[in-house]
N, C-alpha and C. Protein backbone atom coordinates (compact mmCIF):
# COMPACT_ATOMS: atom_id res chain seq x y z
N MET A 1 0.83 -1.09 0.27
CA MET A 1 0.08 -0.06 -0.04
C MET A 1 0.71 1.04 -0.11
N LEU A 2 0.54 2.21 -0.89
CA LEU A 2 1.13 3.44 -1.08
C LEU A 2 1.01 4.04 0.59
N ASP A 3 1.99 5.12 0.52
CA ASP A 3 1.86 6.15 1.83
C ASP A 3 1.28 7.18 1.24
N PRO A 4 0.03 7.60 2.19
CA PRO A 4 -0.32 8.68 1.78
C PRO A 4 0.53 9.95 1.26
N LEU A 5 0.13 10.80 0.56
CA LEU A 5 0.72 11.98 0.16
C LEU A 5 1.09 12.89 1.12
N PRO A 6 1.98 13.74 1.65
CA PRO A 6 1.98 14.57 2.58
C PRO A 6 1.33 15.84 2.70
N ARG A 7 0.59 16.03 3.66
CA ARG A 7 -0.58 17.46 4.01
C ARG A 7 0.53 18.27 3.69
N LEU A 8 -0.14 19.83 2.62
CA LEU A 8 0.41 20.91 3.08
C LEU A 8 0.19 21.70 4.18
N PRO A 9 0.89 22.68 4.65
CA PRO A 9 0.67 23.36 5.66
C PRO A 9 -0.71 24.33 5.51
N ARG A 10 -1.32 24.49 6.13
CA ARG A 10 -2.69 25.45 5.78
C ARG A 10 -2.48 26.89 5.37
N ASP A 11 -1.41 27.16 6.02
CA ASP A 11 -0.74 28.92 5.04
C ASP A 11 -0.67 28.67 3.82
N LEU A 12 0.17 27.49 3.23
CA LEU A 12 0.50 27.46 2.11
C LEU A 12 -0.56 26.89 1.16
N THR A 13 -1.51 25.78 1.78
CA THR A 13 -2.96 25.84 0.97
C THR A 13 -3.63 26.92 0.74
N VAL A 14 -3.92 27.66 1.54
CA VAL A 14 -4.55 28.98 1.27
C VAL A 14 -3.71 29.99 0.44
N ALA A 15 -2.51 30.12 0.13
CA ALA A 15 -1.92 31.00 -0.70
C ALA A 15 -2.04 30.42 -1.97
N LEU A 16 -1.83 28.91 -2.33
CA LEU A 16 -2.15 28.71 -3.45
C LEU A 16 -3.32 28.85 -4.04
N ALA A 17 -4.21 28.43 -2.93
CA ALA A 17 -5.76 28.86 -3.47
C ALA A 17 -6.01 30.31 -3.87
N LEU A 18 -5.53 31.04 -3.43
CA LEU A 18 -5.70 32.94 -3.81
C LEU A 18 -5.19 32.61 -5.00
N VAL A 19 -3.65 32.23 -5.34
CA VAL A 19 -3.30 32.60 -6.44
C VAL A 19 -3.64 31.93 -7.71
N THR A 20 -4.37 30.63 -7.77
CA THR A 20 -5.19 30.18 -8.26
C THR A 20 -6.54 30.90 -8.61
N ALA A 21 -7.01 31.11 -7.92
CA ALA A 21 -8.58 31.97 -8.03
C ALA A 21 -7.85 33.24 -8.74
N ALA A 22 -6.90 34.11 -8.37
CA ALA A 22 -6.67 35.10 -8.71
C ALA A 22 -6.05 34.97 -10.32
N SER A 23 -5.38 33.69 -10.71
CA SER A 23 -4.99 33.77 -12.06
C SER A 23 -6.33 33.02 -12.78
N GLY A 24 -7.23 32.75 -12.16
CA GLY A 24 -8.48 32.22 -13.22
C GLY A 24 -9.14 33.24 -13.48
N ALA A 25 -9.19 34.51 -12.33
CA ALA A 25 -10.18 35.89 -12.41
C ALA A 25 -9.04 36.60 -13.97
N ALA A 26 -8.19 36.42 -13.75
CA ALA A 26 -7.19 37.24 -14.62
C ALA A 26 -7.16 36.98 -16.52
N ALA A 27 -7.44 35.39 -16.35
CA ALA A 27 -7.81 34.30 -17.85
C ALA A 27 -8.89 34.77 -18.00
N CYS A 28 -10.21 34.81 -17.34
CA CYS A 28 -11.52 35.04 -17.93
C CYS A 28 -11.78 36.50 -18.29
N THR A 29 -10.79 37.40 -17.82
CA THR A 29 -11.02 38.92 -18.36
C THR A 29 -9.99 39.66 -18.63
N ASP A 30 -9.81 39.66 -19.80
CA ASP A 30 -8.62 40.18 -20.21
C ASP A 30 -8.64 42.05 -20.52
N LEU A 31 -8.38 42.64 -19.32
CA LEU A 31 -8.75 44.12 -19.44
C LEU A 31 -8.51 44.98 -20.66
N ASP A 32 -6.83 44.46 -21.21
CA ASP A 32 -6.34 45.01 -22.02
C ASP A 32 -7.39 45.94 -23.34
N ASP A 33 -8.23 44.66 -23.17
CA ASP A 33 -9.29 44.93 -24.63
C ASP A 33 -10.10 46.54 -24.65
N TYR A 34 -9.79 47.14 -23.60
CA TYR A 34 -10.59 48.15 -22.89
C TYR A 34 -9.40 49.49 -23.14
N SER A 35 -8.11 49.22 -23.45
CA SER A 35 -7.17 50.58 -23.76
C SER A 35 -7.93 50.73 -24.93
N THR A 36 -7.65 52.37 -24.95
CA THR A 36 -7.76 53.27 -26.16
C THR A 36 -6.63 53.36 -26.75
N THR A 37 -6.62 53.97 -28.11
CA THR A 37 -5.22 54.16 -28.91
C THR A 37 -5.35 55.50 -29.42
N ALA A 38 -4.76 55.85 -29.97
CA ALA A 38 -4.28 57.51 -30.47
C ALA A 38 -5.39 57.66 -31.66
N SER A 39 -5.94 56.52 -32.09
CA SER A 39 -7.24 56.65 -32.88
C SER A 39 -8.59 56.44 -32.46
N LYS A 40 -8.60 55.89 -31.56
CA LYS A 40 -9.73 55.17 -30.60
C LYS A 40 -10.22 55.34 -29.51
N GLN A 41 -11.07 56.18 -29.41
CA GLN A 41 -11.35 56.67 -27.91
C GLN A 41 -12.81 56.35 -27.19
N TYR A 42 -12.91 56.33 -26.21
CA TYR A 42 -14.28 56.30 -25.69
C TYR A 42 -15.06 57.74 -25.46
N VAL A 43 -16.62 57.48 -26.42
CA VAL A 43 -17.48 58.80 -26.48
C VAL A 43 -18.75 58.62 -26.23
N GLY A 44 -19.46 59.81 -25.89
CA GLY A 44 -21.24 59.81 -25.62
C GLY A 44 -21.26 60.73 -24.81
N CYS A 45 -23.02 60.90 -24.70
CA CYS A 45 -23.24 62.07 -24.48
C CYS A 45 -24.01 61.49 -22.88
N VAL A 46 -24.51 62.68 -21.88
CA VAL A 46 -24.59 62.23 -20.59
C VAL A 46 -26.02 61.72 -20.90
N VAL A 47 -26.78 60.76 -19.75
CA VAL A 47 -27.97 60.36 -19.70
C VAL A 47 -28.95 62.17 -19.15
N PRO A 48 -29.76 62.36 -20.08
CA PRO A 48 -30.05 63.55 -19.55
C PRO A 48 -31.41 63.94 -18.76
N ALA A 49 -32.11 62.83 -18.19
CA ALA A 49 -32.88 62.43 -17.64
C ALA A 49 -32.53 63.38 -16.31
N THR A 50 -33.42 64.35 -15.74
CA THR A 50 -33.26 64.98 -14.29
C THR A 50 -32.97 64.16 -13.02
N PHE A 51 -33.79 62.71 -12.95
CA PHE A 51 -33.54 62.12 -12.13
C PHE A 51 -32.19 61.25 -12.02
N VAL A 52 -31.63 61.17 -12.83
CA VAL A 52 -30.06 60.74 -12.87
C VAL A 52 -29.03 61.97 -13.37
N ARG A 53 -29.55 63.36 -13.18
CA ARG A 53 -28.55 64.19 -13.60
C ARG A 53 -28.61 65.62 -12.92
N ALA A 54 -27.37 66.08 -12.19
CA ALA A 54 -27.56 67.30 -11.39
C ALA A 54 -25.89 68.00 -11.64
N GLY A 55 -26.10 69.27 -11.87
CA GLY A 55 -25.15 69.93 -11.86
C GLY A 55 -24.08 69.75 -13.12
N VAL A 56 -24.57 69.08 -14.09
CA VAL A 56 -24.13 69.08 -15.56
C VAL A 56 -25.10 69.36 -16.74
N SER A 57 -24.72 69.97 -17.87
CA SER A 57 -25.61 70.39 -18.81
C SER A 57 -26.24 68.92 -19.17
N SER A 58 -27.70 69.39 -19.61
CA SER A 58 -27.92 68.19 -20.11
C SER A 58 -27.67 67.31 -21.83
N THR A 59 -26.80 68.53 -22.31
CA THR A 59 -25.82 68.62 -23.55
C THR A 59 -24.77 68.05 -23.35
N ALA A 60 -24.19 67.87 -22.33
CA ALA A 60 -22.64 67.53 -22.29
C ALA A 60 -22.31 66.19 -22.96
N GLN A 61 -21.09 65.92 -23.46
CA GLN A 61 -20.67 65.24 -24.20
C GLN A 61 -18.98 64.73 -23.75
N MET A 62 -18.81 63.82 -23.46
CA MET A 62 -17.54 63.28 -22.87
C MET A 62 -17.05 62.60 -23.67
N CYS A 63 -15.44 62.56 -23.67
CA CYS A 63 -14.54 61.34 -24.25
C CYS A 63 -13.57 60.94 -23.30
N LEU A 64 -13.54 59.53 -22.98
CA LEU A 64 -12.23 58.96 -22.19
C LEU A 64 -11.19 58.27 -22.79
N THR A 65 -10.04 58.22 -22.55
CA THR A 65 -9.04 57.68 -22.84
C THR A 65 -8.48 56.76 -21.38
N LEU A 66 -8.21 55.38 -21.84
CA LEU A 66 -8.11 54.64 -20.99
C LEU A 66 -6.55 53.78 -21.20
N ASP A 67 -6.12 53.32 -20.35
CA ASP A 67 -4.95 52.36 -20.24
C ASP A 67 -5.07 51.37 -19.02
N ALA A 68 -5.52 50.47 -19.82
CA ALA A 68 -5.46 49.08 -18.77
C ALA A 68 -4.40 48.69 -18.24
N ASP A 69 -3.54 48.99 -18.47
CA ASP A 69 -1.97 48.48 -17.69
C ASP A 69 -1.61 49.26 -16.79
N HIS A 70 -2.53 50.50 -16.73
CA HIS A 70 -1.86 51.56 -15.78
C HIS A 70 -2.61 51.83 -14.79
N LEU A 71 -3.96 50.82 -14.58
CA LEU A 71 -4.97 51.18 -13.60
C LEU A 71 -4.80 52.17 -12.40
N GLN A 72 -3.60 51.53 -11.54
CA GLN A 72 -3.55 52.27 -10.61
C GLN A 72 -2.62 52.99 -10.58
N THR A 73 -2.27 53.80 -11.73
CA THR A 73 -1.08 54.42 -11.64
C THR A 73 -1.36 56.06 -12.70
N ALA A 74 -1.71 55.79 -13.63
CA ALA A 74 -1.79 56.85 -14.99
C ALA A 74 -2.99 56.05 -15.84
N PRO A 75 -4.23 56.15 -15.52
CA PRO A 75 -5.26 55.29 -16.07
C PRO A 75 -5.80 55.87 -17.29
N GLY A 76 -5.64 57.11 -17.44
CA GLY A 76 -6.03 57.59 -18.17
C GLY A 76 -6.68 59.34 -17.81
N ALA A 77 -7.55 60.10 -18.98
CA ALA A 77 -8.27 61.39 -18.84
C ALA A 77 -9.68 61.52 -19.43
N ILE A 78 -10.15 62.29 -19.21
CA ILE A 78 -11.37 63.00 -19.54
C ILE A 78 -11.62 64.00 -20.09
N THR A 79 -12.38 64.51 -21.26
CA THR A 79 -12.39 65.66 -21.88
C THR A 79 -14.04 65.52 -22.12
N SER A 80 -14.51 67.02 -21.59
CA SER A 80 -15.89 67.16 -22.02
C SER A 80 -16.01 68.53 -22.86
N ASN A 81 -17.06 68.53 -23.77
CA ASN A 81 -17.40 69.52 -24.75
C ASN A 81 -17.95 70.91 -24.15
N ASP A 82 -18.09 71.11 -22.45
CA ASP A 82 -18.72 72.12 -21.86
C ASP A 82 -17.41 72.43 -20.93
N GLY A 83 -16.51 72.24 -21.42
CA GLY A 83 -15.18 73.13 -20.74
C GLY A 83 -15.16 72.44 -19.02
N TRP A 84 -15.76 71.76 -18.77
CA TRP A 84 -15.38 70.95 -17.31
C TRP A 84 -14.02 70.51 -17.28
N PHE A 85 -13.75 69.59 -18.31
CA PHE A 85 -12.33 68.82 -18.38
C PHE A 85 -11.74 68.95 -19.78
N GLN A 86 -10.44 68.88 -19.82
CA GLN A 86 -9.39 69.42 -21.17
C GLN A 86 -8.45 68.07 -20.68
N SER A 87 -8.74 66.94 -21.02
CA SER A 87 -7.69 65.77 -20.98
C SER A 87 -6.86 65.71 -19.42
N THR A 88 -8.32 65.85 -18.39
CA THR A 88 -8.07 65.72 -17.05
C THR A 88 -7.59 64.74 -16.75
N PRO A 89 -6.55 64.31 -16.30
CA PRO A 89 -6.13 63.18 -15.53
C PRO A 89 -7.07 62.43 -14.42
N LEU A 90 -7.28 61.37 -14.75
CA LEU A 90 -7.95 60.59 -13.51
C LEU A 90 -7.22 60.21 -12.61
N ARG A 91 -7.17 60.50 -11.53
CA ARG A 91 -6.21 60.38 -10.28
C ARG A 91 -6.54 59.13 -9.45
N PRO A 92 -5.84 58.23 -9.25
CA PRO A 92 -5.96 56.97 -8.84
C PRO A 92 -5.63 57.25 -6.88
N ILE A 93 -6.50 56.61 -6.29
CA ILE A 93 -6.71 56.60 -5.06
C ILE A 93 -5.34 55.40 -4.54
N PRO A 94 -4.51 55.59 -4.13
CA PRO A 94 -3.40 54.62 -3.71
C PRO A 94 -3.94 53.55 -2.62
N GLN A 95 -4.72 54.22 -1.50
CA GLN A 95 -4.91 53.22 -0.67
C GLN A 95 -6.39 52.29 -0.90
N LEU A 96 -6.61 52.82 -1.87
CA LEU A 96 -8.30 52.16 -2.44
C LEU A 96 -7.86 50.91 -2.95
N TRP A 97 -6.84 50.62 -3.56
CA TRP A 97 -6.71 49.01 -4.01
C TRP A 97 -6.23 48.24 -3.38
N ASN A 98 -6.13 48.72 -1.68
CA ASN A 98 -5.91 47.67 -0.49
C ASN A 98 -7.03 47.34 -0.03
N ASP A 99 -8.01 48.09 0.01
CA ASP A 99 -9.25 47.93 0.68
C ASP A 99 -10.58 47.05 -0.58
N PRO A 100 -11.50 46.67 0.27
CA PRO A 100 -12.69 45.70 -0.25
C PRO A 100 -13.15 46.90 -1.43
N LEU A 101 -13.29 48.06 -1.21
CA LEU A 101 -14.06 48.77 -1.96
C LEU A 101 -13.52 48.96 -3.58
N SER A 102 -12.23 48.20 -3.84
CA SER A 102 -11.69 48.34 -4.97
C SER A 102 -12.30 47.00 -5.58
N THR A 103 -13.14 46.43 -4.97
CA THR A 103 -14.12 44.94 -5.66
C THR A 103 -15.13 45.42 -5.85
N LEU A 104 -15.60 46.54 -5.71
CA LEU A 104 -16.83 47.27 -6.08
C LEU A 104 -17.57 46.54 -7.06
N SER A 105 -18.70 46.33 -6.95
CA SER A 105 -19.36 45.37 -7.96
C SER A 105 -21.08 46.23 -7.76
N PHE A 106 -21.65 46.48 -8.87
CA PHE A 106 -22.96 46.80 -8.94
C PHE A 106 -23.90 46.42 -10.26
N GLY A 107 -25.09 46.25 -10.45
CA GLY A 107 -25.72 45.52 -11.56
C GLY A 107 -25.01 44.57 -12.51
N GLU A 108 -25.88 44.54 -13.59
CA GLU A 108 -25.24 43.21 -14.44
C GLU A 108 -24.44 43.94 -15.71
N GLY A 109 -23.53 43.01 -16.32
CA GLY A 109 -22.79 43.65 -17.53
C GLY A 109 -21.62 44.64 -16.84
N ARG A 110 -21.30 44.53 -15.82
CA ARG A 110 -20.19 45.40 -15.27
C ARG A 110 -18.90 44.62 -15.20
N ILE A 111 -18.05 44.56 -15.98
CA ILE A 111 -16.65 43.74 -15.60
C ILE A 111 -15.94 44.08 -14.50
N ARG A 112 -15.74 45.22 -14.45
CA ARG A 112 -15.01 46.08 -13.16
C ARG A 112 -15.15 47.56 -13.02
N ASN A 113 -15.68 47.81 -11.84
CA ASN A 113 -15.93 49.05 -11.54
C ASN A 113 -14.28 49.66 -10.94
N LEU A 114 -14.05 50.94 -11.46
CA LEU A 114 -12.75 51.96 -10.92
C LEU A 114 -13.28 53.00 -10.41
N VAL A 115 -12.62 53.36 -9.29
CA VAL A 115 -12.87 54.66 -8.87
C VAL A 115 -11.63 55.55 -9.08
N TYR A 116 -12.01 57.02 -9.46
CA TYR A 116 -10.81 57.81 -9.10
C TYR A 116 -11.64 59.36 -9.08
N MET A 117 -10.35 60.17 -8.81
CA MET A 117 -10.93 61.84 -8.50
C MET A 117 -10.44 62.63 -9.70
N VAL A 118 -11.18 63.47 -9.95
CA VAL A 118 -10.63 64.60 -10.96
C VAL A 118 -10.86 65.77 -10.48
N THR A 119 -9.71 66.93 -10.96
CA THR A 119 -10.15 68.21 -10.52
C THR A 119 -10.76 68.95 -11.96
N PRO A 120 -12.14 69.55 -12.05
CA PRO A 120 -12.91 70.26 -12.95
C PRO A 120 -11.90 71.42 -13.13
N GLN A 121 -11.89 72.04 -14.55
CA GLN A 121 -11.32 73.23 -14.84
C GLN A 121 -11.99 74.61 -14.43
N PRO A 122 -11.05 75.58 -14.00
CA PRO A 122 -11.50 76.60 -13.45
C PRO A 122 -12.61 77.61 -14.41
N ASN A 123 -12.22 77.36 -15.72
CA ASN A 123 -13.22 78.19 -16.90
C ASN A 123 -14.18 77.32 -17.49
N GLY A 124 -14.56 76.09 -16.85
CA GLY A 124 -15.44 75.54 -17.33
C GLY A 124 -17.09 76.09 -16.97
N SER A 125 -18.01 75.56 -17.56
CA SER A 125 -19.42 76.14 -17.29
C SER A 125 -20.10 74.79 -17.10
N ALA A 126 -21.11 74.82 -16.52
CA ALA A 126 -22.31 73.83 -15.91
C ALA A 126 -23.67 74.45 -15.59
N ASP A 127 -24.41 73.62 -15.60
CA ASP A 127 -25.81 73.67 -14.80
C ASP A 127 -25.41 74.36 -13.38
N GLY A 128 -26.04 75.48 -12.75
CA GLY A 128 -25.58 75.55 -11.46
C GLY A 128 -24.60 76.51 -11.33
N GLY A 129 -23.73 76.74 -12.18
CA GLY A 129 -22.17 77.51 -11.51
C GLY A 129 -21.28 76.96 -11.88
N SER A 130 -20.09 77.40 -11.62
CA SER A 130 -18.62 76.76 -12.10
C SER A 130 -18.51 75.44 -10.99
N PRO A 131 -17.86 74.54 -12.05
CA PRO A 131 -17.70 72.99 -11.41
C PRO A 131 -16.56 73.40 -10.67
N SER A 132 -15.78 74.23 -10.54
CA SER A 132 -14.17 74.18 -9.92
C SER A 132 -14.67 74.62 -8.40
N ALA A 133 -15.72 75.36 -8.31
CA ALA A 133 -16.34 75.68 -7.19
C ALA A 133 -16.29 74.99 -5.93
N GLY A 134 -16.92 73.95 -6.50
CA GLY A 134 -16.97 72.70 -5.24
C GLY A 134 -16.05 71.80 -5.15
N GLY A 135 -14.75 72.14 -5.52
CA GLY A 135 -13.94 71.23 -5.54
C GLY A 135 -13.70 70.06 -6.37
N ASP A 136 -13.03 68.75 -5.75
CA ASP A 136 -12.81 67.69 -6.87
C ASP A 136 -14.01 66.78 -6.96
N VAL A 137 -14.21 66.20 -7.81
CA VAL A 137 -15.31 65.16 -8.09
C VAL A 137 -14.83 63.66 -8.66
N THR A 138 -15.57 63.12 -7.81
CA THR A 138 -15.52 61.43 -7.78
C THR A 138 -15.93 60.92 -9.13
N VAL A 139 -15.18 60.09 -9.65
CA VAL A 139 -15.35 59.45 -10.84
C VAL A 139 -15.32 57.87 -11.13
N VAL A 140 -16.45 57.40 -11.28
CA VAL A 140 -16.57 56.00 -11.46
C VAL A 140 -16.45 55.34 -12.57
N VAL A 141 -15.59 54.57 -13.41
CA VAL A 141 -15.89 54.29 -14.49
C VAL A 141 -15.96 52.58 -14.22
N SER A 142 -16.70 52.26 -15.38
CA SER A 142 -17.49 50.60 -15.31
C SER A 142 -17.05 50.56 -16.78
N LEU A 143 -15.97 49.20 -16.56
CA LEU A 143 -15.76 48.51 -17.84
C LEU A 143 -17.16 47.44 -18.25
N MET A 144 -17.60 47.91 -19.67
CA MET A 144 -18.94 46.84 -19.73
C MET A 144 -18.26 45.58 -20.60
N GLN A 145 -19.22 45.06 -20.38
CA GLN A 145 -19.12 43.49 -21.21
C GLN A 145 -18.85 43.72 -22.57
N GLY A 146 -17.77 43.20 -23.27
CA GLY A 146 -17.70 43.25 -24.84
C GLY A 146 -16.55 43.98 -25.08
N GLY A 147 -16.31 44.80 -24.19
CA GLY A 147 -14.86 45.59 -24.40
C GLY A 147 -14.83 46.96 -25.30
N ASP A 148 -16.04 47.14 -25.78
CA ASP A 148 -16.04 48.14 -26.61
C ASP A 148 -16.90 49.65 -26.14
N SER A 149 -17.30 49.22 -24.54
CA SER A 149 -18.20 50.23 -24.62
C SER A 149 -17.83 50.62 -22.72
N VAL A 150 -17.98 51.90 -22.13
CA VAL A 150 -17.76 51.71 -20.82
C VAL A 150 -19.19 53.17 -20.25
N GLU A 151 -18.66 53.10 -18.75
CA GLU A 151 -19.98 54.06 -18.47
C GLU A 151 -19.09 54.79 -17.34
N VAL A 152 -19.24 55.89 -17.72
CA VAL A 152 -18.74 56.90 -16.73
C VAL A 152 -19.65 57.50 -15.51
N ARG A 153 -19.61 57.67 -14.14
CA ARG A 153 -20.50 58.63 -13.21
C ARG A 153 -19.37 59.57 -12.79
N LEU A 154 -20.23 60.70 -12.89
CA LEU A 154 -19.38 61.77 -12.05
C LEU A 154 -20.32 61.87 -10.53
N LEU A 155 -19.85 62.08 -9.59
CA LEU A 155 -20.43 62.45 -8.25
C LEU A 155 -19.60 63.68 -7.26
N ARG A 156 -20.40 64.40 -6.94
CA ARG A 156 -19.75 65.18 -5.88
C ARG A 156 -21.02 65.99 -4.96
N GLY A 157 -20.63 65.80 -3.59
CA GLY A 157 -21.83 66.57 -3.09
C GLY A 157 -23.11 66.24 -3.25
N ALA A 158 -24.08 66.75 -2.06
CA ALA A 158 -25.38 66.28 -1.84
C ALA A 158 -25.99 67.61 -1.82
N PRO A 159 -27.43 67.56 -2.12
CA PRO A 159 -28.17 68.63 -2.18
C PRO A 159 -28.42 69.28 -0.34
N PRO A 160 -28.69 70.23 0.19
CA PRO A 160 -28.57 70.27 1.75
C PRO A 160 -29.99 69.45 2.06
N VAL A 161 -30.10 69.28 3.51
CA VAL A 161 -31.25 68.25 3.87
C VAL A 161 -32.22 69.37 4.05
N ALA A 162 -33.42 69.04 3.85
CA ALA A 162 -34.67 69.88 4.05
C ALA A 162 -34.71 70.42 5.41
N GLY A 163 -34.87 71.53 5.75
CA GLY A 163 -35.11 72.19 6.52
C GLY A 163 -33.55 72.68 7.69
N THR A 164 -32.68 72.32 6.86
CA THR A 164 -31.31 72.88 7.72
C THR A 164 -30.59 73.74 6.92
N ASP A 165 -29.44 73.92 7.58
CA ASP A 165 -28.65 74.80 6.64
C ASP A 165 -27.37 74.12 6.76
N ALA A 166 -27.16 72.63 6.90
CA ALA A 166 -25.98 72.07 6.82
C ALA A 166 -25.82 71.20 5.63
N GLY A 167 -24.66 70.92 5.06
CA GLY A 167 -24.43 70.25 3.66
C GLY A 167 -24.70 71.36 2.68
N SER A 168 -24.04 70.71 1.61
CA SER A 168 -23.43 71.40 0.25
C SER A 168 -24.58 72.31 -0.44
N SER A 169 -24.28 73.40 -1.19
CA SER A 169 -25.09 74.03 -1.58
C SER A 169 -25.53 73.33 -2.94
N PRO A 170 -26.85 73.49 -3.56
CA PRO A 170 -27.15 72.74 -4.57
C PRO A 170 -26.69 72.96 -5.84
N ALA A 171 -25.67 74.29 -5.73
CA ALA A 171 -24.53 74.35 -7.29
C ALA A 171 -23.40 73.48 -7.17
N SER A 172 -22.90 73.12 -6.27
CA SER A 172 -22.01 72.27 -5.79
C SER A 172 -22.21 70.67 -6.29
N ASN A 173 -23.77 70.09 -5.84
CA ASN A 173 -24.03 68.95 -6.16
C ASN A 173 -24.01 68.61 -7.51
N VAL A 174 -23.31 67.19 -7.88
CA VAL A 174 -23.14 66.92 -9.43
C VAL A 174 -23.37 65.13 -9.11
N PHE A 175 -24.22 64.80 -10.12
CA PHE A 175 -24.55 63.58 -10.30
C PHE A 175 -24.52 63.66 -11.94
N ALA A 176 -23.74 62.67 -12.72
CA ALA A 176 -24.27 62.60 -14.16
C ALA A 176 -23.52 61.02 -14.92
N LEU A 177 -24.27 60.44 -15.52
CA LEU A 177 -24.14 59.17 -16.11
C LEU A 177 -23.79 59.25 -17.66
N PHE A 178 -22.64 58.93 -17.88
CA PHE A 178 -22.41 58.77 -19.37
C PHE A 178 -21.86 57.47 -20.11
N PRO A 179 -22.85 57.08 -20.88
CA PRO A 179 -22.53 55.51 -21.37
C PRO A 179 -21.89 56.12 -22.59
N LEU A 180 -20.44 55.34 -22.64
CA LEU A 180 -19.42 56.07 -23.75
C LEU A 180 -19.15 54.54 -24.54
N SER A 181 -19.18 54.53 -25.96
CA SER A 181 -18.88 53.86 -27.17
C SER A 181 -17.42 54.23 -27.73
N LEU A 182 -16.31 52.77 -27.92
CA LEU A 182 -15.61 52.99 -28.63
C LEU A 182 -15.63 53.62 -30.04
N LYS A 183 -15.20 54.77 -30.38
CA LYS A 183 -15.37 55.40 -31.89
C LYS A 183 -13.91 55.78 -32.19
N LYS A 184 -13.58 55.71 -33.59
CA LYS A 184 -12.31 56.56 -34.18
C LYS A 184 -12.79 58.09 -33.92
N GLY A 185 -11.30 58.56 -33.56
CA GLY A 185 -11.37 60.10 -33.44
C GLY A 185 -12.40 60.11 -32.23
N GLY A 186 -13.10 59.66 -31.26
CA GLY A 186 -13.60 59.95 -30.46
C GLY A 186 -13.65 61.53 -30.00
N CYS A 187 -12.32 61.94 -29.14
CA CYS A 187 -11.94 62.87 -28.71
C CYS A 187 -12.02 63.71 -29.87
N ALA A 188 -11.53 63.72 -30.41
CA ALA A 188 -11.80 64.81 -32.00
C ALA A 188 -13.18 64.96 -32.35
N SER A 189 -14.06 64.24 -31.55
CA SER A 189 -15.72 64.15 -32.60
C SER A 189 -16.36 65.04 -31.31
N LEU A 190 -15.74 65.55 -30.75
CA LEU A 190 -16.83 66.34 -29.37
C LEU A 190 -16.99 67.76 -29.93
N SER A 191 -18.16 67.95 -29.48
CA SER A 191 -18.79 69.12 -29.99
C SER A 191 -19.76 69.68 -29.28
N PRO A 192 -20.44 70.73 -29.12
CA PRO A 192 -21.18 71.63 -28.28
C PRO A 192 -22.62 71.44 -28.57
N THR A 193 -22.79 71.07 -29.58
CA THR A 193 -24.04 70.66 -30.34
C THR A 193 -24.20 68.87 -30.56
N ALA A 194 -23.47 68.29 -29.87
CA ALA A 194 -23.15 66.85 -30.79
C ALA A 194 -24.71 65.59 -29.75
N CYS A 195 -24.86 66.76 -28.79
CA CYS A 195 -25.96 66.11 -27.83
C CYS A 195 -26.97 66.64 -27.59
N VAL A 196 -27.08 67.90 -28.61
CA VAL A 196 -28.47 68.25 -28.65
C VAL A 196 -29.32 67.30 -29.31
N PRO A 197 -30.61 67.07 -28.59
CA PRO A 197 -31.79 66.31 -28.90
C PRO A 197 -32.19 66.72 -30.72
N ASP A 198 -32.31 67.63 -31.38
CA ASP A 198 -32.26 67.60 -32.90
C ASP A 198 -31.21 67.06 -33.49
N ALA A 199 -29.63 67.39 -33.02
CA ALA A 199 -28.83 66.70 -33.58
C ALA A 199 -28.21 65.41 -33.76
N GLN A 200 -28.97 64.47 -32.90
CA GLN A 200 -28.61 63.02 -32.44
C GLN A 200 -29.50 62.19 -33.91
């Protein structure tokens, strides 16, 4: 009768399981497909409905460049047709990558959700006043299934609670959703009239 195989120490077993799981996840999802090139970038119009939009013009258009090889260091930049952003870098939060929030998951069809910060341009224009007045904006980039589309959400502040003086002013409250698709000359196609209803 053959001797039983020696048992691996528990710590080593757990470590091997984690490595195997990580390798499997990497194999299933190739994030390189989401990187933009010099000729193709993600572009699209804001969802104009007021129940998912605040502080951003209903005709806002956005372009996103993305480098999937550097998501934790230099992920890319956003540009908008309203002057809010002009090749504005997405700034990673170093501590986030060591926190469970880096595994944020919501809804179906989203391969990965990434959280960054951006600083609006001081000369930009938007509904409710200057975007730079309220400080940095949180950006959530969702990589959608297929590799040719993403969602970008802008979040900042919140309206004051009714009946109190606390909270931010309505002008600094920002919430906007941009469904973007990979297109040739995406950033070059930004236009003040591209997202006007009659122009679509």
